[in-house]
Amino acid sequence: MTTSTHLVRTRRFLPLFVTQLLGAFNDNLYKNAMVLYVVYNVYSSEAQEARFSAIASGLFILPFFLLSALAGQLADMRDKARIIRVVKACEIAIMLVGGAGLVMAWLGMEVQSIAIPLMLAALLAMGVHSTFFGPIKYAILPQHLHDGEVLAGTGLVEAGT
C-alpha cells in the first residue's frame, strides 16, 4: 500500500494545497466571526439572531447555485493558474472590505446602516470567490501531478477543504 502524503512535501502540490486549505479556513473563520459578533453583540432577540444567521448562510451559499456552471466552464476554457491568481487577489480585497465591516461594528460605528451590510456584502463576495475557486483547484491538478497521483491529490485537496 502506498501513501499519498508524499504529495504534501512536493513543490508541485504543496502551494495549491496550502492555498486551498487557508482559503477554506478563511471562509469559515470570517463567516463564524461575523455571525457570532452580530448575534451576540447587536441583536437581542432569538428571532433576529436566527434570521440574521439564516440570511448570512443563504448569502454565502447563493453563488454556488447561481454560478457553479459558469465557474466550471471557466475552469475548463481558460488558463487555470491565471484564474487562481485573479481569484486570490480578489479574496484579499474582499477580506479587506469584510475586515473593515468587522472593525466598524466592533467600534460601534454605523453598525446597522454600514457595518452589517458591508460584512454581508463581503460574505456574498466570498461565496462568489469560493464558487470560482472550487472547480479550478481540481482542474489544475492534472497539470501539476503525474497520472498516478491525481486521485491522491484530489483526495488531499478535498480533505483540506
N, C-alpha and C. Protein backbone atom coordinates (compact mmCIF):
# COMPACT_ATOMS: atom_id res chain seq x y z
N MET A 1 0.84 -1.19 0.00
CA MET A 1 0.00 0.00 0.00
C MET A 1 0.88 1.24 0.00
N THR A 2 0.61 2.17 -0.89
CA THR A 2 1.36 3.41 -0.94
C THR A 2 0.55 4.52 -0.30
N THR A 3 1.24 5.48 0.23
CA THR A 3 0.55 6.60 0.85
C THR A 3 0.58 7.79 -0.08
N SER A 4 -0.39 8.65 0.07
CA SER A 4 -0.46 9.84 -0.76
C SER A 4 0.10 11.07 -0.05
N THR A 5 0.58 10.87 1.15
CA THR A 5 1.08 12.03 1.90
C THR A 5 2.39 12.57 1.35
N HIS A 6 3.08 11.80 0.49
CA HIS A 6 4.31 12.32 -0.09
C HIS A 6 4.03 13.53 -0.97
N LEU A 7 2.81 13.67 -1.49
CA LEU A 7 2.45 14.82 -2.32
C LEU A 7 2.54 16.13 -1.55
N VAL A 8 2.23 16.06 -0.27
CA VAL A 8 2.23 17.28 0.54
C VAL A 8 3.65 17.86 0.67
N ARG A 9 4.64 17.04 0.44
CA ARG A 9 6.03 17.51 0.53
C ARG A 9 6.60 17.93 -0.82
N THR A 10 5.81 17.85 -1.89
CA THR A 10 6.32 18.20 -3.21
C THR A 10 5.98 19.64 -3.57
N ARG A 11 6.86 20.23 -4.31
CA ARG A 11 6.66 21.61 -4.75
C ARG A 11 5.52 21.69 -5.78
N ARG A 12 5.22 20.59 -6.44
CA ARG A 12 4.15 20.57 -7.43
C ARG A 12 2.77 20.67 -6.79
N PHE A 13 2.64 20.25 -5.54
CA PHE A 13 1.33 20.15 -4.91
C PHE A 13 1.17 21.04 -3.68
N LEU A 14 2.20 21.19 -2.89
CA LEU A 14 2.11 21.89 -1.61
C LEU A 14 1.53 23.30 -1.72
N PRO A 15 1.98 24.15 -2.66
CA PRO A 15 1.40 25.51 -2.71
C PRO A 15 -0.11 25.52 -2.96
N LEU A 16 -0.58 24.66 -3.85
CA LEU A 16 -2.02 24.60 -4.10
C LEU A 16 -2.75 24.09 -2.86
N PHE A 17 -2.21 23.09 -2.22
CA PHE A 17 -2.83 22.52 -1.03
C PHE A 17 -2.94 23.57 0.08
N VAL A 18 -1.86 24.28 0.33
CA VAL A 18 -1.86 25.31 1.39
C VAL A 18 -2.82 26.44 1.02
N THR A 19 -2.83 26.83 -0.25
CA THR A 19 -3.71 27.90 -0.70
C THR A 19 -5.17 27.55 -0.46
N GLN A 20 -5.57 26.34 -0.87
CA GLN A 20 -6.97 25.98 -0.70
C GLN A 20 -7.30 25.72 0.76
N LEU A 21 -6.36 25.19 1.53
CA LEU A 21 -6.58 24.96 2.95
C LEU A 21 -6.81 26.28 3.69
N LEU A 22 -5.96 27.25 3.43
CA LEU A 22 -6.11 28.56 4.08
C LEU A 22 -7.34 29.30 3.58
N GLY A 23 -7.70 29.10 2.31
CA GLY A 23 -8.91 29.72 1.78
C GLY A 23 -10.16 29.19 2.47
N ALA A 24 -10.23 27.87 2.65
CA ALA A 24 -11.37 27.28 3.34
C ALA A 24 -11.41 27.75 4.80
N PHE A 25 -10.25 27.82 5.44
CA PHE A 25 -10.17 28.30 6.81
C PHE A 25 -10.64 29.75 6.89
N ASN A 26 -10.20 30.56 5.94
CA ASN A 26 -10.56 31.97 5.90
C ASN A 26 -12.07 32.14 5.74
N ASP A 27 -12.68 31.38 4.82
CA ASP A 27 -14.13 31.47 4.62
C ASP A 27 -14.89 31.17 5.91
N ASN A 28 -14.53 30.08 6.54
CA ASN A 28 -15.23 29.67 7.75
C ASN A 28 -14.97 30.59 8.93
N LEU A 29 -13.73 31.03 9.07
CA LEU A 29 -13.40 31.94 10.17
C LEU A 29 -14.16 33.26 10.03
N TYR A 30 -14.16 33.82 8.83
CA TYR A 30 -14.85 35.10 8.63
C TYR A 30 -16.35 34.95 8.88
N LYS A 31 -16.96 33.94 8.28
CA LYS A 31 -18.41 33.76 8.43
C LYS A 31 -18.78 33.57 9.91
N ASN A 32 -18.05 32.73 10.60
CA ASN A 32 -18.36 32.48 12.00
C ASN A 32 -18.09 33.70 12.87
N ALA A 33 -17.00 34.41 12.62
CA ALA A 33 -16.71 35.62 13.40
C ALA A 33 -17.80 36.67 13.20
N MET A 34 -18.22 36.85 11.95
CA MET A 34 -19.25 37.83 11.67
C MET A 34 -20.58 37.45 12.32
N VAL A 35 -21.00 36.22 12.13
CA VAL A 35 -22.29 35.78 12.69
C VAL A 35 -22.26 35.84 14.22
N LEU A 36 -21.19 35.34 14.82
CA LEU A 36 -21.12 35.36 16.29
C LEU A 36 -21.09 36.79 16.83
N TYR A 37 -20.34 37.68 16.20
CA TYR A 37 -20.29 39.05 16.68
C TYR A 37 -21.67 39.70 16.60
N VAL A 38 -22.29 39.59 15.43
CA VAL A 38 -23.58 40.25 15.25
C VAL A 38 -24.65 39.64 16.15
N VAL A 39 -24.67 38.32 16.23
CA VAL A 39 -25.70 37.65 17.04
C VAL A 39 -25.55 37.99 18.52
N TYR A 40 -24.32 38.03 19.02
CA TYR A 40 -24.15 38.24 20.46
C TYR A 40 -23.99 39.70 20.86
N ASN A 41 -23.66 40.58 19.93
CA ASN A 41 -23.44 41.97 20.32
C ASN A 41 -24.42 42.97 19.73
N VAL A 42 -25.13 42.60 18.68
CA VAL A 42 -26.01 43.56 18.03
C VAL A 42 -27.47 43.24 18.30
N TYR A 43 -27.87 42.03 18.00
CA TYR A 43 -29.28 41.66 18.16
C TYR A 43 -29.54 41.11 19.55
N SER A 44 -30.76 41.37 20.02
CA SER A 44 -31.08 40.94 21.38
C SER A 44 -32.22 39.94 21.45
N SER A 45 -32.80 39.58 20.32
CA SER A 45 -33.88 38.59 20.36
C SER A 45 -33.49 37.36 19.56
N GLU A 46 -34.03 36.23 19.98
CA GLU A 46 -33.72 34.97 19.29
C GLU A 46 -34.19 34.99 17.84
N ALA A 47 -35.31 35.63 17.59
CA ALA A 47 -35.85 35.68 16.23
C ALA A 47 -34.91 36.46 15.30
N GLN A 48 -34.43 37.61 15.77
CA GLN A 48 -33.50 38.40 14.97
C GLN A 48 -32.19 37.64 14.74
N GLU A 49 -31.71 36.98 15.78
CA GLU A 49 -30.47 36.21 15.67
C GLU A 49 -30.61 35.08 14.66
N ALA A 50 -31.72 34.35 14.72
CA ALA A 50 -31.95 33.24 13.80
C ALA A 50 -32.10 33.75 12.37
N ARG A 51 -32.80 34.87 12.21
CA ARG A 51 -32.99 35.44 10.87
C ARG A 51 -31.65 35.89 10.29
N PHE A 52 -30.83 36.55 11.08
CA PHE A 52 -29.53 37.00 10.58
C PHE A 52 -28.64 35.82 10.21
N SER A 53 -28.62 34.80 11.04
CA SER A 53 -27.81 33.62 10.75
C SER A 53 -28.27 32.93 9.47
N ALA A 54 -29.58 32.86 9.26
CA ALA A 54 -30.12 32.25 8.04
C ALA A 54 -29.78 33.09 6.81
N ILE A 55 -29.89 34.40 6.93
CA ILE A 55 -29.55 35.29 5.82
C ILE A 55 -28.07 35.16 5.47
N ALA A 56 -27.22 35.14 6.48
CA ALA A 56 -25.78 35.00 6.23
C ALA A 56 -25.46 33.68 5.55
N SER A 57 -26.04 32.60 6.01
CA SER A 57 -25.79 31.30 5.39
C SER A 57 -26.33 31.28 3.96
N GLY A 58 -27.50 31.85 3.75
CA GLY A 58 -28.07 31.90 2.41
C GLY A 58 -27.24 32.73 1.45
N LEU A 59 -26.73 33.86 1.91
CA LEU A 59 -25.90 34.70 1.06
C LEU A 59 -24.59 34.01 0.68
N PHE A 60 -24.05 33.22 1.58
CA PHE A 60 -22.81 32.52 1.27
C PHE A 60 -23.05 31.38 0.28
N ILE A 61 -24.17 30.71 0.38
CA ILE A 61 -24.46 29.55 -0.47
C ILE A 61 -25.04 29.95 -1.83
N LEU A 62 -25.73 31.07 -1.92
CA LEU A 62 -26.40 31.50 -3.14
C LEU A 62 -25.51 31.48 -4.39
N PRO A 63 -24.29 32.00 -4.35
CA PRO A 63 -23.45 31.96 -5.56
C PRO A 63 -23.16 30.55 -6.06
N PHE A 64 -23.11 29.58 -5.17
CA PHE A 64 -22.87 28.20 -5.60
C PHE A 64 -24.00 27.74 -6.51
N PHE A 65 -25.23 28.09 -6.20
CA PHE A 65 -26.37 27.70 -7.03
C PHE A 65 -26.39 28.47 -8.35
N LEU A 66 -26.07 29.75 -8.28
CA LEU A 66 -26.21 30.59 -9.46
C LEU A 66 -25.03 30.53 -10.42
N LEU A 67 -23.82 30.32 -9.90
CA LEU A 67 -22.63 30.48 -10.73
C LEU A 67 -21.77 29.24 -10.91
N SER A 68 -22.17 28.10 -10.37
CA SER A 68 -21.33 26.91 -10.44
C SER A 68 -21.06 26.46 -11.87
N ALA A 69 -22.07 26.48 -12.72
CA ALA A 69 -21.88 26.05 -14.11
C ALA A 69 -20.91 26.98 -14.82
N LEU A 70 -21.06 28.27 -14.62
CA LEU A 70 -20.16 29.24 -15.23
C LEU A 70 -18.72 29.05 -14.73
N ALA A 71 -18.58 28.80 -13.44
CA ALA A 71 -17.24 28.59 -12.87
C ALA A 71 -16.59 27.34 -13.45
N GLY A 72 -17.35 26.29 -13.63
CA GLY A 72 -16.82 25.07 -14.23
C GLY A 72 -16.39 25.28 -15.67
N GLN A 73 -17.20 26.00 -16.45
CA GLN A 73 -16.83 26.31 -17.83
C GLN A 73 -15.56 27.14 -17.88
N LEU A 74 -15.47 28.12 -17.02
CA LEU A 74 -14.28 28.97 -16.98
C LEU A 74 -13.03 28.16 -16.63
N ALA A 75 -13.17 27.22 -15.71
CA ALA A 75 -12.04 26.38 -15.32
C ALA A 75 -11.58 25.51 -16.48
N ASP A 76 -12.48 25.12 -17.35
CA ASP A 76 -12.11 24.29 -18.49
C ASP A 76 -11.56 25.08 -19.66
N MET A 77 -11.97 26.33 -19.80
CA MET A 77 -11.65 27.10 -21.00
C MET A 77 -10.41 27.99 -20.88
N ARG A 78 -10.07 28.44 -19.73
CA ARG A 78 -9.04 29.47 -19.57
C ARG A 78 -7.82 28.94 -18.85
N ASP A 79 -6.79 29.79 -18.79
CA ASP A 79 -5.56 29.45 -18.08
C ASP A 79 -5.84 29.38 -16.58
N LYS A 80 -5.70 28.21 -16.03
CA LYS A 80 -6.08 27.97 -14.64
C LYS A 80 -5.19 28.73 -13.65
N ALA A 81 -3.91 28.79 -13.91
CA ALA A 81 -3.00 29.48 -12.99
C ALA A 81 -3.34 30.97 -12.93
N ARG A 82 -3.68 31.55 -14.06
CA ARG A 82 -4.03 32.98 -14.08
C ARG A 82 -5.34 33.22 -13.32
N ILE A 83 -6.31 32.34 -13.53
CA ILE A 83 -7.58 32.48 -12.83
C ILE A 83 -7.38 32.37 -11.32
N ILE A 84 -6.54 31.44 -10.89
CA ILE A 84 -6.26 31.30 -9.46
C ILE A 84 -5.65 32.58 -8.90
N ARG A 85 -4.71 33.17 -9.63
CA ARG A 85 -4.10 34.43 -9.16
C ARG A 85 -5.13 35.55 -9.04
N VAL A 86 -6.02 35.66 -10.04
CA VAL A 86 -7.05 36.70 -10.01
C VAL A 86 -8.02 36.46 -8.86
N VAL A 87 -8.46 35.22 -8.70
CA VAL A 87 -9.43 34.89 -7.65
C VAL A 87 -8.82 35.15 -6.27
N LYS A 88 -7.58 34.79 -6.08
CA LYS A 88 -6.95 35.00 -4.77
C LYS A 88 -6.66 36.48 -4.51
N ALA A 89 -6.37 37.25 -5.55
CA ALA A 89 -6.23 38.70 -5.37
C ALA A 89 -7.57 39.31 -4.96
N CYS A 90 -8.64 38.82 -5.57
CA CYS A 90 -9.97 39.29 -5.18
C CYS A 90 -10.29 38.93 -3.73
N GLU A 91 -9.82 37.76 -3.29
CA GLU A 91 -10.04 37.35 -1.91
C GLU A 91 -9.42 38.34 -0.93
N ILE A 92 -8.26 38.84 -1.26
CA ILE A 92 -7.61 39.83 -0.39
C ILE A 92 -8.46 41.09 -0.30
N ALA A 93 -8.95 41.57 -1.45
CA ALA A 93 -9.78 42.78 -1.45
C ALA A 93 -11.08 42.54 -0.69
N ILE A 94 -11.68 41.37 -0.89
CA ILE A 94 -12.93 41.04 -0.20
C ILE A 94 -12.72 41.02 1.31
N MET A 95 -11.63 40.44 1.75
CA MET A 95 -11.36 40.37 3.19
C MET A 95 -11.04 41.74 3.78
N LEU A 96 -10.47 42.63 2.99
CA LEU A 96 -10.26 44.00 3.47
C LEU A 96 -11.61 44.68 3.72
N VAL A 97 -12.55 44.47 2.81
CA VAL A 97 -13.90 45.03 2.99
C VAL A 97 -14.58 44.39 4.20
N GLY A 98 -14.51 43.06 4.28
CA GLY A 98 -15.11 42.37 5.43
C GLY A 98 -14.47 42.76 6.74
N GLY A 99 -13.15 42.90 6.74
CA GLY A 99 -12.44 43.33 7.95
C GLY A 99 -12.84 44.74 8.35
N ALA A 100 -13.03 45.61 7.36
CA ALA A 100 -13.48 46.97 7.66
C ALA A 100 -14.85 46.94 8.31
N GLY A 101 -15.72 46.09 7.82
CA GLY A 101 -17.05 45.96 8.42
C GLY A 101 -16.98 45.45 9.85
N LEU A 102 -16.13 44.45 10.08
CA LEU A 102 -15.97 43.93 11.45
C LEU A 102 -15.41 44.98 12.39
N VAL A 103 -14.43 45.74 11.94
CA VAL A 103 -13.83 46.79 12.77
C VAL A 103 -14.85 47.88 13.07
N MET A 104 -15.60 48.27 12.03
CA MET A 104 -16.64 49.29 12.26
C MET A 104 -17.67 48.81 13.28
N ALA A 105 -18.08 47.56 13.16
CA ALA A 105 -19.05 47.02 14.12
C ALA A 105 -18.46 46.95 15.52
N TRP A 106 -17.20 46.54 15.61
CA TRP A 106 -16.54 46.44 16.90
C TRP A 106 -16.41 47.80 17.56
N LEU A 107 -16.16 48.84 16.76
CA LEU A 107 -16.05 50.19 17.30
C LEU A 107 -17.40 50.87 17.49
N GLY A 108 -18.47 50.22 17.03
CA GLY A 108 -19.81 50.77 17.19
C GLY A 108 -20.13 51.87 16.20
N MET A 109 -19.44 51.92 15.08
CA MET A 109 -19.64 52.97 14.08
C MET A 109 -20.64 52.50 13.02
N GLU A 110 -21.80 53.15 12.95
CA GLU A 110 -22.79 52.88 11.91
C GLU A 110 -23.03 51.38 11.74
N VAL A 111 -23.28 50.70 12.84
CA VAL A 111 -23.38 49.23 12.82
C VAL A 111 -24.52 48.77 11.93
N GLN A 112 -25.73 49.27 12.14
CA GLN A 112 -26.89 48.81 11.38
C GLN A 112 -26.88 49.28 9.93
N SER A 113 -26.42 50.50 9.69
CA SER A 113 -26.54 51.07 8.34
C SER A 113 -25.35 50.76 7.43
N ILE A 114 -24.14 50.61 7.97
CA ILE A 114 -22.98 50.39 7.11
C ILE A 114 -22.24 49.10 7.45
N ALA A 115 -21.93 48.87 8.70
CA ALA A 115 -21.06 47.75 9.08
C ALA A 115 -21.69 46.39 8.75
N ILE A 116 -22.93 46.17 9.13
CA ILE A 116 -23.55 44.88 8.86
C ILE A 116 -23.75 44.65 7.36
N PRO A 117 -24.27 45.64 6.60
CA PRO A 117 -24.35 45.42 5.15
C PRO A 117 -22.98 45.19 4.50
N LEU A 118 -21.96 45.86 5.00
CA LEU A 118 -20.60 45.66 4.48
C LEU A 118 -20.12 44.24 4.74
N MET A 119 -20.38 43.74 5.94
CA MET A 119 -19.99 42.36 6.26
C MET A 119 -20.77 41.35 5.43
N LEU A 120 -22.06 41.60 5.22
CA LEU A 120 -22.87 40.69 4.42
C LEU A 120 -22.44 40.73 2.95
N ALA A 121 -22.08 41.90 2.45
CA ALA A 121 -21.59 42.01 1.07
C ALA A 121 -20.28 41.23 0.91
N ALA A 122 -19.41 41.33 1.90
CA ALA A 122 -18.16 40.57 1.85
C ALA A 122 -18.43 39.08 1.91
N LEU A 123 -19.41 38.68 2.69
CA LEU A 123 -19.76 37.26 2.77
C LEU A 123 -20.30 36.75 1.43
N LEU A 124 -21.14 37.53 0.79
CA LEU A 124 -21.63 37.16 -0.54
C LEU A 124 -20.48 37.08 -1.54
N ALA A 125 -19.57 38.04 -1.49
CA ALA A 125 -18.41 38.02 -2.38
C ALA A 125 -17.51 36.82 -2.09
N MET A 126 -17.39 36.42 -0.83
CA MET A 126 -16.61 35.22 -0.51
C MET A 126 -17.29 33.97 -1.07
N GLY A 127 -18.60 33.96 -1.11
CA GLY A 127 -19.31 32.86 -1.75
C GLY A 127 -19.01 32.80 -3.24
N VAL A 128 -18.98 33.97 -3.89
CA VAL A 128 -18.62 34.03 -5.31
C VAL A 128 -17.18 33.56 -5.49
N HIS A 129 -16.29 34.02 -4.63
CA HIS A 129 -14.89 33.61 -4.68
C HIS A 129 -14.76 32.09 -4.57
N SER A 130 -15.43 31.52 -3.61
CA SER A 130 -15.35 30.07 -3.40
C SER A 130 -15.96 29.30 -4.57
N THR A 131 -17.01 29.86 -5.15
CA THR A 131 -17.65 29.22 -6.30
C THR A 131 -16.68 29.13 -7.47
N PHE A 132 -15.91 30.17 -7.70
CA PHE A 132 -14.98 30.16 -8.83
C PHE A 132 -13.69 29.41 -8.51
N PHE A 133 -13.27 29.40 -7.27
CA PHE A 133 -12.04 28.69 -6.92
C PHE A 133 -12.25 27.18 -6.85
N GLY A 134 -13.45 26.74 -6.49
CA GLY A 134 -13.74 25.32 -6.33
C GLY A 134 -13.37 24.46 -7.52
N PRO A 135 -13.94 24.71 -8.70
CA PRO A 135 -13.59 23.84 -9.83
C PRO A 135 -12.16 24.02 -10.32
N ILE A 136 -11.61 25.18 -10.15
CA ILE A 136 -10.25 25.43 -10.65
C ILE A 136 -9.22 24.66 -9.85
N LYS A 137 -9.42 24.54 -8.55
CA LYS A 137 -8.44 23.82 -7.73
C LYS A 137 -8.37 22.35 -8.11
N TYR A 138 -9.49 21.80 -8.61
CA TYR A 138 -9.46 20.41 -9.07
C TYR A 138 -8.99 20.31 -10.52
N ALA A 139 -9.34 21.28 -11.34
CA ALA A 139 -8.98 21.24 -12.76
C ALA A 139 -7.49 21.40 -12.99
N ILE A 140 -6.79 22.05 -12.08
CA ILE A 140 -5.36 22.28 -12.27
C ILE A 140 -4.52 21.09 -11.82
N LEU A 141 -5.09 20.20 -11.05
CA LEU A 141 -4.32 19.06 -10.54
C LEU A 141 -3.67 18.20 -11.64
N PRO A 142 -4.38 17.84 -12.70
CA PRO A 142 -3.73 17.01 -13.74
C PRO A 142 -2.55 17.70 -14.42
N GLN A 143 -2.51 19.01 -14.38
CA GLN A 143 -1.38 19.74 -14.98
C GLN A 143 -0.13 19.68 -14.11
N HIS A 144 -0.29 19.47 -12.82
CA HIS A 144 0.84 19.52 -11.90
C HIS A 144 1.23 18.17 -11.31
N LEU A 145 0.36 17.18 -11.44
CA LEU A 145 0.64 15.89 -10.85
C LEU A 145 0.81 14.83 -11.94
N HIS A 146 1.52 13.77 -11.60
CA HIS A 146 1.68 12.65 -12.51
C HIS A 146 0.37 11.87 -12.56
N ASP A 147 0.22 11.04 -13.60
CA ASP A 147 -1.03 10.30 -13.79
C ASP A 147 -1.45 9.50 -12.57
N GLY A 148 -0.54 8.86 -11.91
CA GLY A 148 -0.87 8.06 -10.74
C GLY A 148 -1.10 8.86 -9.47
N GLU A 149 -0.91 10.15 -9.53
CA GLU A 149 -1.03 10.99 -8.33
C GLU A 149 -2.30 11.83 -8.30
N VAL A 150 -3.03 11.89 -9.41
CA VAL A 150 -4.18 12.79 -9.49
C VAL A 150 -5.26 12.39 -8.49
N LEU A 151 -5.55 11.12 -8.38
CA LEU A 151 -6.58 10.68 -7.43
C LEU A 151 -6.18 11.01 -5.99
N ALA A 152 -4.93 10.74 -5.65
CA ALA A 152 -4.46 11.07 -4.29
C ALA A 152 -4.49 12.58 -4.06
N GLY A 153 -4.08 13.35 -5.05
CA GLY A 153 -4.11 14.81 -4.92
C GLY A 153 -5.52 15.34 -4.73
N THR A 154 -6.47 14.77 -5.48
CA THR A 154 -7.86 15.18 -5.34
C THR A 154 -8.37 14.86 -3.94
N GLY A 155 -8.01 13.70 -3.43
CA GLY A 155 -8.43 13.34 -2.07
C GLY A 155 -7.84 14.27 -1.01
N LEU A 156 -6.57 14.62 -1.19
CA LEU A 156 -5.94 15.53 -0.23
C LEU A 156 -6.57 16.91 -0.29
N VAL A 157 -6.86 17.40 -1.50
CA VAL A 157 -7.49 18.72 -1.63
C VAL A 157 -8.87 18.70 -0.97
N GLU A 158 -9.62 17.63 -1.20
CA GLU A 158 -10.93 17.51 -0.57
C GLU A 158 -10.82 17.43 0.95
N ALA A 159 -9.84 16.70 1.44
CA ALA A 159 -9.63 16.59 2.89
C ALA A 159 -9.26 17.95 3.48
N GLY A 160 -8.46 18.73 2.75
CA GLY A 160 -8.06 20.04 3.23
C GLY A 160 -9.20 21.04 3.22
N THR A 161 -10.18 20.79 2.38
CA THR A 161 -11.33 21.69 2.30
C THR A 161 -12.25 21.46 3.47
